[in-house]
C-alpha atoms as a PDB file:
ATOM      1  CA  MET A   1      -0.926   4.190 -17.984  1.00  0.00           C
ATOM      2  CA  SER A   2       2.518   4.907 -16.541  1.00  0.00           C
ATOM      3  CA  SER A   3       4.003   2.663 -13.890  1.00  0.00           C
ATOM      4  CA  PHE A   4       6.563   2.929 -11.092  1.00  0.00           C
ATOM      5  CA  PRO A   5       8.650   0.448  -9.077  1.00  0.00           C
ATOM      6  CA  LEU A   6       6.974  -0.501  -5.782  1.00  0.00           C
ATOM      7  CA  ARG A   7       8.456  -2.484  -2.926  1.00  0.00           C
ATOM      8  CA  ILE A   8       6.273  -3.479   0.016  1.00  0.00           C
ATOM      9  CA  LEU A   9       8.358  -4.816   2.900  1.00  0.00           C
ATOM     10  CA  THR A  10       7.298  -6.356   6.225  1.00  0.00           C
ATOM     11  CA  PRO A  11       9.356  -7.841   9.076  1.00  0.00           C
ATOM     12  CA  GLU A  12       8.626 -11.262   7.528  1.00  0.00           C
ATOM     13  CA  GLY A  13      10.091 -10.207   4.184  1.00  0.00           C
ATOM     14  CA  PRO A  14       9.089  -8.636   0.874  1.00  0.00           C
ATOM     15  CA  VAL A  15       5.443  -8.769  -0.208  1.00  0.00           C
ATOM     16  CA  ILE A  16       5.703  -6.964  -3.534  1.00  0.00           C
ATOM     17  CA  ASP A  17       8.653  -5.960  -5.705  1.00  0.00           C
ATOM     18  CA  ALA A  18       7.093  -5.004  -9.024  1.00  0.00           C
ATOM     19  CA  GLU A  19       6.056  -2.284 -11.448  1.00  0.00           C
ATOM     20  CA  VAL A  20       2.592  -0.946 -10.579  1.00  0.00           C
ATOM     21  CA  GLU A  21       0.295   1.839 -11.785  1.00  0.00           C
ATOM     22  CA  ILE A  22      -1.397   2.860  -8.516  1.00  0.00           C
ATOM     23  CA  LEU A  23      -0.854   2.415  -4.781  1.00  0.00           C
ATOM     24  CA  VAL A  24      -3.444   3.512  -2.211  1.00  0.00           C
ATOM     25  CA  VAL A  25      -2.610   3.287   1.505  1.00  0.00           C
ATOM     26  CA  PRO A  26      -4.478   4.247   4.683  1.00  0.00           C
ATOM     27  CA  ALA A  27      -3.106   7.438   6.271  1.00  0.00           C
ATOM     28  CA  TYR A  28      -4.067   9.438   9.372  1.00  0.00           C
ATOM     29  CA  ASN A  29      -6.429  11.769   7.538  1.00  0.00           C
ATOM     30  CA  GLY A  30      -7.849   9.316   5.006  1.00  0.00           C
ATOM     31  CA  SER A  31      -6.327   7.459   2.089  1.00  0.00           C
ATOM     32  CA  LEU A  32      -3.193   8.457   0.227  1.00  0.00           C
ATOM     33  CA  GLY A  33      -2.748   7.573  -3.430  1.00  0.00           C
ATOM     34  CA  VAL A  34       0.477   7.364  -5.431  1.00  0.00           C
ATOM     35  CA  MET A  35       0.834   7.265  -9.197  1.00  0.00           C
ATOM     36  CA  ALA A  36       3.867   7.528 -11.484  1.00  0.00           C
ATOM     37  CA  GLY A  37       5.587  10.902 -11.236  1.00  0.00           C
ATOM     38  CA  HIS A  38       4.314  11.626  -7.703  1.00  0.00           C
ATOM     39  CA  ALA A  39       6.200  14.309  -5.775  1.00  0.00           C
ATOM     40  CA  PRO A  40       8.776  13.028  -3.255  1.00  0.00           C
ATOM     41  CA  MET A  41       7.385  12.518   0.254  1.00  0.00           C
ATOM     42  CA  ILE A  42       7.421  10.491   3.426  1.00  0.00           C
ATOM     43  CA  ALA A  43       4.110   9.668   5.115  1.00  0.00           C
ATOM     44  CA  ALA A  44       2.861   7.660   8.071  1.00  0.00           C
ATOM     45  CA  VAL A  45       0.604   4.704   7.284  1.00  0.00           C
ATOM     46  CA  VAL A  46      -2.064   3.423   9.681  1.00  0.00           C
ATOM     47  CA  ILE A  47      -3.816   0.051   9.874  1.00  0.00           C
ATOM     48  CA  GLY A  48      -6.436  -0.198   7.153  1.00  0.00           C
ATOM     49  CA  PRO A  49      -7.427  -1.277   3.673  1.00  0.00           C
ATOM     50  CA  GLY A  50      -5.334  -0.339   0.662  1.00  0.00           C
ATOM     51  CA  LYS A  51      -4.887  -1.398  -2.917  1.00  0.00           C
ATOM     52  CA  VAL A  52      -2.290  -1.988  -5.578  1.00  0.00           C
ATOM     53  CA  VAL A  53      -3.159  -1.729  -9.278  1.00  0.00           C
ATOM     54  CA  SER A  54      -0.807  -3.607 -11.579  1.00  0.00           C
ATOM     55  CA  ASN A  55      -1.438  -4.376 -15.257  1.00  0.00           C
ATOM     56  CA  GLY A  56      -4.984  -3.090 -14.815  1.00  0.00           C
ATOM     57  CA  THR A  57      -5.739  -5.583 -12.024  1.00  0.00           C
ATOM     58  CA  THR A  58      -6.629  -4.345  -8.536  1.00  0.00           C
ATOM     59  CA  THR A  59      -5.409  -6.303  -5.519  1.00  0.00           C
ATOM     60  CA  TRP A  60      -6.742  -5.362  -2.075  1.00  0.00           C
ATOM     61  CA  TYR A  61      -4.687  -5.558   1.117  1.00  0.00           C
ATOM     62  CA  VAL A  62      -4.901  -4.790   4.790  1.00  0.00           C
ATOM     63  CA  PHE A  63      -1.787  -2.837   5.715  1.00  0.00           C
ATOM     64  CA  GLY A  64      -0.346  -2.481   9.202  1.00  0.00           C
ATOM     65  CA  GLU A  65       1.242   0.653  10.577  1.00  0.00           C
ATOM     66  CA  GLY A  66       4.361   1.873   8.871  1.00  0.00           C
ATOM     67  CA  THR A  67       5.966   4.397   6.564  1.00  0.00           C
ATOM     68  CA  LEU A  68       5.573   5.238   2.896  1.00  0.00           C
ATOM     69  CA  GLU A  69       8.511   6.784   1.050  1.00  0.00           C
ATOM     70  CA  VAL A  70       8.266   8.200  -2.471  1.00  0.00           C
ATOM     71  CA  ARG A  71      11.715   9.127  -3.798  1.00  0.00           C
ATOM     72  CA  GLY A  72      12.199   9.692  -7.495  1.00  0.00           C
ATOM     73  CA  PRO A  73      10.520   6.899  -9.382  1.00  0.00           C
ATOM     74  CA  ASP A  74      10.875   4.470  -6.448  1.00  0.00           C
ATOM     75  CA  VAL A  75       8.162   3.869  -3.859  1.00  0.00           C
ATOM     76  CA  ILE A  76       8.842   1.873  -0.700  1.00  0.00           C
ATOM     77  CA  LEU A  77       6.143   0.881   1.791  1.00  0.00           C
ATOM     78  CA  LEU A  78       7.473  -0.442   5.119  1.00  0.00           C
ATOM     79  CA  VAL A  79       4.626  -1.878   7.209  1.00  0.00           C
ATOM     80  CA  ASP A  80       4.094  -4.240  10.139  1.00  0.00           C
ATOM     81  CA  PHE A  81       2.059  -6.543   7.890  1.00  0.00           C
ATOM     82  CA  ALA A  82       0.407  -6.670   4.462  1.00  0.00           C
ATOM     83  CA  GLU A  83      -2.333  -9.271   4.054  1.00  0.00           C
ATOM     84  CA  LYS A  84      -3.966  -9.829   0.678  1.00  0.00           C
ATOM     85  CA  THR A  85      -7.781  -9.907   0.709  1.00  0.00           C
ATOM     86  CA  ALA A  86     -10.476 -10.853  -1.788  1.00  0.00           C
ATOM     87  CA  ASN A  87     -12.020  -7.366  -2.092  1.00  0.00           C
ATOM     88  CA  TYR A  88     -12.551  -4.034  -0.332  1.00  0.00           C
ATOM     89  CA  GLU A  89     -15.266  -5.368   1.986  1.00  0.00           C
ATOM     90  CA  ALA A  90     -13.009  -8.207   3.146  1.00  0.00           C
ATOM     91  CA  ALA A  91     -10.212  -5.687   3.715  1.00  0.00           C
ATOM     92  CA  LYS A  92     -12.540  -3.578   5.894  1.00  0.00           C
ATOM     93  CA  GLU A  93     -13.543  -6.649   7.928  1.00  0.00           C
ATOM     94  CA  GLN A  94      -9.916  -7.702   8.468  1.00  0.00           C
ATOM     95  CA  THR A  95      -9.052  -4.136   9.450  1.00  0.00           C
ATOM     96  CA  ALA A  96     -11.741  -4.204  12.147  1.00  0.00           C
ATOM     97  CA  GLN A  97     -10.374  -7.523  13.443  1.00  0.00           C
ATOM     98  CA  ALA A  98      -6.791  -6.217  13.472  1.00  0.00           C
ATOM     99  CA  GLN A  99      -7.843  -3.099  15.383  1.00  0.00           C
ATOM    100  CA  ALA A 100      -9.836  -5.065  17.986  1.00  0.00           C
END
């Protein structure tokens, strides 16, 4: 599977700076997925669960509000926070806590 460079940045500093195969983030009308070769875009990100697939391994996160930029091969996710979770269910629970 093809990969692309992903940088996830928060006010506290970088969370990820690596080659990945898939990024899924929460957007206003559902989830937004990015794979290698995606068309250029800028999108708003909302608080919610998301995932990063790298080397065939899926890592779940809770992302804060922010912006996703896909430009050429580079993808940059600027968010208020990005907390790693054990799985999708844990990400949903942490999302509910962050929204409360």
